């Protein structure tokens, strides 16, 4: 199987570089709904031109429409999907279930790829998305090779996996840190990367959650997937060229070139790792520094009178950029080389092995012997990856059209694609029949300035009449103008009648039955119980069965551990279930259960809710990162029952990167908490079963806003953190009176949109 090398393009120049250096396909974003919203991205004209050029080369183009979409944005979403169809892209990469529904109903010609934001981390999740019409899934980056092989073995489904580039600490799609802290949602393409900040805790201050970059290098040949994906839609064309060229050579059997690796590290690179590809690894974070480092070329020997002295293992040129790991700084100290000395004499370039002296800028920090020195940019490398590209507007996607022309003595009619244009006049027999015919052929072949291409031309001119060229051109312009208007214009598919809500009932969710002991169960419509890997049937039976809804965890690397428990509980009559990821839907008999979607299956628009209903859900939960304005709009138009989570210790992220100090081989995997601090703000991190979850010290509470939401249910969650029965009773008494708990976090609830910093 020939595997696809898939390269990123944050703009058209990066796209051209990717194609020139061997990418089989390119993925990119448009001006809206891209999970890299701060990249330059493409407009309709550049997408049309680029796609036409890529197809000319026999390559593919995928467009990332992979953010969650709020209700008021649905018309703009249609405009974006129209562009995708009109520009003949090869597939849409998406996250939002509403986007998937609209494509299935209104744009069936568009192929759907499940974004990494859908957190596909096991075979079951892939199987379910296949049943929804997805032809490809992008596999979570956290997986090991055996896990990747399991998903890649699913018949009739393409798989795509990252092989190089930046890593998130959280499973993609399950991070709400930037959104709930700063109103800049990763699920909306606006992440501020708070995970890369310094945290105090664990015995010191460091960048606990700052990931290295992934670089599979030669191991990419072990990947069994359809498509090998390079991360980097915010990177330069130079970076895209270098990385694409590097992996193209590996895939073509030329091996991993050491010089190319040096180039990549000089252009942009954090330290490299292979994540968990070869099994669980703790060497995946860079706790001391953040950002680009460069190529390691030596260590500081000494600094004297403003000159840095060391032996360089690489050539250095004037105006190259150096970075040094300066003690006490979050980022390496960087500067442009202005003066170089070798053997006491100034030179323009040094070579590997030289003992060099580099003049430091006036504001250099304290530098001590042994600190690492990196070549962070090179003038030579900047010119090492030239690429060719077409002339502006040379390529354009054109729709093939068939034109029929009927010539009569008083009228000429042109027809195409159900459209019609005509001219009137007095038309007499032609002196030269062939010239009269050629005039029509020449004119209607002129499609420049339109997105049309003449496929066939039928001329009915039985009397061999002459029509002036000026009139033929007018006829052509009128007809082609009408035909172009017929470009794809999508529509929102029909939706169900909105549910009529009366007074909302209360629901409580927990992972510990003991914390419910002091509550009157009659006050609750449901008790949602979060199952764990060690949950017993007797534990579940301790709760009133008529009220219990069983919840499966959002992340489950080994679904088989729940298979017997699910089977037993279904047989015992437990028919109410809640899911937070698509894997769980493959484990349940959907036609036999009362199904609820939890908050990680983001419901920010009515189309997503309708999609959930079509799957079989009876109710859905509003996203915890959504705004009150959008939630209120949805609550009035929801096609099924809705839940507003009023109180929750919302996970800011969920990760497979361990922060424990001990060796994995001797780990108990039992619950362990860490108290952390970032710029005076307090957090708690939970480590359990090889999974890390980060929480705000204070819970999120929207009791004061709840009265404004006309939903079916209000819900309070007491999961993950160790609550006791008295604490739960106190919280419930407050929030059921629509009073916030003290020091409550508010997230985006009072923002106008999830793109702005929350008010102080």
Foldseek 3Di string as FASTA:
>chain_A
DQAFEEFEALALLLLQLLVQLPGQEYEFEDCFQALQNVRNTDYLQSLQFSQLVSVVVVHAYEYESAFEDFAVCVQVLLVVVLSCVLSVHAAYEYDALLSLLQCVVWPVVHAYEHHLLQAAQALLQLVLVVVSRHQEYEHWLQDAQVRLVRNQPDPRHAYEYEAKFADFQFRRNFFCQQQQFFLQGSSRNRRPPPLQFWKQFPPGIWSLRAWFIEHCFLVVVSRPGRYYYYDDSRADSLLRNLVSNQVVCSSVPNGRDPVSVLLNLQRFGGDYDNNQHNHHDQPTHDTQADTRAHAWFFWFADADPQKTKTQGQAKDFAQFKKFWSDPPDRHTDMDGFHWKDFPRDTDGMDGGGTTMITGHDPPDDDGDTGITMHRNHDPVSVPVRDGDDDDPPPGGAAAEWEWEWEDDQFKIWIDIPRDIFMDGDGWAADPDLVVQVVLLVVLLCPQPPARHGYDYYHYHDPRNTHDDSVVSNVRNVVRRVVVRVPRRRTDNDDFAFADDFDDAAAEEEEQDPQLQVPPDCVRHQAYEHEDDLPDDPVRVVVDDQNRYEYEYDADDNDCVSCLVVVVVVVVVPRQHYEYAHSSVLSSDPLVRHAYEYEQSSADNHQSSLRSVVVSRHQEYEHHLSWAQVSQQVCLRGHNHAYEYEFKDQRFSRKRLNDSDPDDPVPDPQDWDKMWMDGPRFIKIWIGHNSMITITGPAIAGQLLVVVSHRGRYYYYYDYDDDDHNVVVVVCCVQSVVSHTDPPHRHRNHHPPGSRGTDDD
